[in-house]
Amino acid sequence: MNDMTADGRRAWALIALVGGCAVFTAMAAWGLYLLRMDMQRVFWLSMAAHAQVFVGMTAIGALLVKRTVKMSRAGLEISDNLQEPGQ
């Protein structure tokens, strides 16, 4: 039934993340507009919006990098180069 490849799932995840970030940005801008006369609330809402943008950009960056993490008794190995099986 589910014939979606790993790359297809990654593409849909990227679309969902970008869409979520765009919606949050629009909501934050609308909230800032509504609170424009109360500078203290505008400041804290802006800080929350910056934190959310940081989380979204970090998630997008993590999604775009193919990374492997291997853990053994010798230590932890993190690689950004994904080796496909059989190569």
C-alpha atoms as a PDB file:
ATOM      1  CA  MET A   1       0.000   0.000   0.000  1.00  0.00           C
ATOM      2  CA  ASN A   2       2.615   2.515   1.061  1.00  0.00           C
ATOM      3  CA  ASP A   3       5.009   2.846  -1.879  1.00  0.00           C
ATOM      4  CA  MET A   4       6.580   6.103  -0.701  1.00  0.00           C
ATOM      5  CA  THR A   5      10.362   6.098  -0.634  1.00  0.00           C
ATOM      6  CA  ALA A   6      12.517   7.602   2.091  1.00  0.00           C
ATOM      7  CA  ASP A   7      13.198  10.616  -0.141  1.00  0.00           C
ATOM      8  CA  GLY A   8       9.457  11.072  -0.668  1.00  0.00           C
ATOM      9  CA  ARG A   9       8.842  11.056   3.084  1.00  0.00           C
ATOM     10  CA  ARG A  10      11.647  13.575   3.550  1.00  0.00           C
ATOM     11  CA  ALA A  11      10.111  15.821   0.877  1.00  0.00           C
ATOM     12  CA  TRP A  12       6.684  15.722   2.559  1.00  0.00           C
ATOM     13  CA  ALA A  13       8.312  16.425   5.924  1.00  0.00           C
ATOM     14  CA  LEU A  14      10.080  19.451   4.420  1.00  0.00           C
ATOM     15  CA  ILE A  15       6.794  20.730   2.952  1.00  0.00           C
ATOM     16  CA  ALA A  16       5.085  20.304   6.332  1.00  0.00           C
ATOM     17  CA  LEU A  17       7.892  22.123   8.178  1.00  0.00           C
ATOM     18  CA  VAL A  18       7.998  25.024   5.731  1.00  0.00           C
ATOM     19  CA  GLY A  19       4.210  25.299   5.776  1.00  0.00           C
ATOM     20  CA  GLY A  20       4.156  25.276   9.569  1.00  0.00           C
ATOM     21  CA  CYS A  21       6.855  27.940   9.748  1.00  0.00           C
ATOM     22  CA  ALA A  22       4.966  30.129   7.270  1.00  0.00           C
ATOM     23  CA  VAL A  23       1.713  29.807   9.218  1.00  0.00           C
ATOM     24  CA  PHE A  24       3.449  30.580  12.509  1.00  0.00           C
ATOM     25  CA  THR A  25       5.155  33.624  11.000  1.00  0.00           C
ATOM     26  CA  ALA A  26       1.809  34.943   9.751  1.00  0.00           C
ATOM     27  CA  MET A  27       0.188  34.357  13.151  1.00  0.00           C
ATOM     28  CA  ALA A  28       3.072  36.066  14.973  1.00  0.00           C
ATOM     29  CA  ALA A  29       2.861  39.070  12.630  1.00  0.00           C
ATOM     30  CA  TRP A  30      -0.903  39.303  13.194  1.00  0.00           C
ATOM     31  CA  GLY A  31      -0.408  39.047  16.969  1.00  0.00           C
ATOM     32  CA  LEU A  32       2.244  41.758  16.922  1.00  0.00           C
ATOM     33  CA  TYR A  33      -0.072  43.996  14.928  1.00  0.00           C
ATOM     34  CA  LEU A  34      -2.891  43.484  17.424  1.00  0.00           C
ATOM     35  CA  LEU A  35      -0.612  44.204  20.403  1.00  0.00           C
ATOM     36  CA  ARG A  36       1.287  47.098  18.809  1.00  0.00           C
ATOM     37  CA  MET A  37       0.306  49.544  21.588  1.00  0.00           C
ATOM     38  CA  ASP A  38       1.561  47.335  24.454  1.00  0.00           C
ATOM     39  CA  MET A  39       5.348  47.323  24.036  1.00  0.00           C
ATOM     40  CA  GLN A  40       6.074  44.834  26.823  1.00  0.00           C
ATOM     41  CA  ARG A  41       3.805  42.177  25.310  1.00  0.00           C
ATOM     42  CA  VAL A  42       5.148  42.925  21.838  1.00  0.00           C
ATOM     43  CA  PHE A  43       8.684  42.317  23.121  1.00  0.00           C
ATOM     44  CA  TRP A  44       7.838  38.938  24.675  1.00  0.00           C
ATOM     45  CA  LEU A  45       5.773  37.809  21.701  1.00  0.00           C
ATOM     46  CA  SER A  46       8.695  38.769  19.446  1.00  0.00           C
ATOM     47  CA  MET A  47      11.088  36.734  21.598  1.00  0.00           C
ATOM     48  CA  ALA A  48       8.749  33.731  21.381  1.00  0.00           C
ATOM     49  CA  ALA A  49       8.515  34.183  17.597  1.00  0.00           C
ATOM     50  CA  HIS A  50      12.313  34.252  17.333  1.00  0.00           C
ATOM     51  CA  ALA A  51      12.548  31.061  19.386  1.00  0.00           C
ATOM     52  CA  GLN A  52       9.975  29.349  17.173  1.00  0.00           C
ATOM     53  CA  VAL A  53      11.797  30.425  14.000  1.00  0.00           C
ATOM     54  CA  PHE A  54      15.037  29.047  15.489  1.00  0.00           C
ATOM     55  CA  VAL A  55      13.334  25.699  16.194  1.00  0.00           C
ATOM     56  CA  GLY A  56      11.837  25.590  12.685  1.00  0.00           C
ATOM     57  CA  MET A  57      15.118  26.435  10.958  1.00  0.00           C
ATOM     58  CA  THR A  58      16.957  23.851  13.065  1.00  0.00           C
ATOM     59  CA  ALA A  59      14.387  21.204  12.094  1.00  0.00           C
ATOM     60  CA  ILE A  60      14.686  22.114   8.399  1.00  0.00           C
ATOM     61  CA  GLY A  61      18.476  21.973   8.622  1.00  0.00           C
ATOM     62  CA  ALA A  62      18.356  18.589  10.338  1.00  0.00           C
ATOM     63  CA  LEU A  63      15.965  17.293   7.704  1.00  0.00           C
ATOM     64  CA  LEU A  64      18.173  18.407   4.804  1.00  0.00           C
ATOM     65  CA  VAL A  65      21.322  16.766   6.173  1.00  0.00           C
ATOM     66  CA  LYS A  66      21.611  13.014   5.859  1.00  0.00           C
ATOM     67  CA  ARG A  67      23.359  11.997   9.023  1.00  0.00           C
ATOM     68  CA  THR A  68      24.328   8.699  10.580  1.00  0.00           C
ATOM     69  CA  VAL A  69      25.076   8.187  14.241  1.00  0.00           C
ATOM     70  CA  LYS A  70      26.915   5.066  15.393  1.00  0.00           C
ATOM     71  CA  MET A  71      27.552   4.277  19.018  1.00  0.00           C
ATOM     72  CA  SER A  72      29.949   1.649  20.289  1.00  0.00           C
ATOM     73  CA  ARG A  73      32.099   0.989  23.310  1.00  0.00           C
ATOM     74  CA  ALA A  74      34.884   2.922  21.618  1.00  0.00           C
ATOM     75  CA  GLY A  75      32.756   6.056  21.458  1.00  0.00           C
ATOM     76  CA  LEU A  76      30.275   7.945  19.351  1.00  0.00           C
ATOM     77  CA  GLU A  77      30.707   8.452  15.605  1.00  0.00           C
ATOM     78  CA  ILE A  78      28.611  11.052  13.767  1.00  0.00           C
ATOM     79  CA  SER A  79      28.850  11.263   9.978  1.00  0.00           C
ATOM     80  CA  ASP A  80      27.116  13.584   7.515  1.00  0.00           C
ATOM     81  CA  ASN A  81      27.917  11.258   4.615  1.00  0.00           C
ATOM     82  CA  LEU A  82      25.298   8.543   4.278  1.00  0.00           C
ATOM     83  CA  GLN A  83      26.690   5.325   2.844  1.00  0.00           C
ATOM     84  CA  GLU A  84      23.995   3.367   1.023  1.00  0.00           C
ATOM     85  CA  PRO A  85      24.082  -0.408   1.620  1.00  0.00           C
ATOM     86  CA  GLY A  86      26.129  -2.210  -1.009  1.00  0.00           C
ATOM     87  CA  GLN A  87      28.389   0.734  -1.858  1.00  0.00           C
END
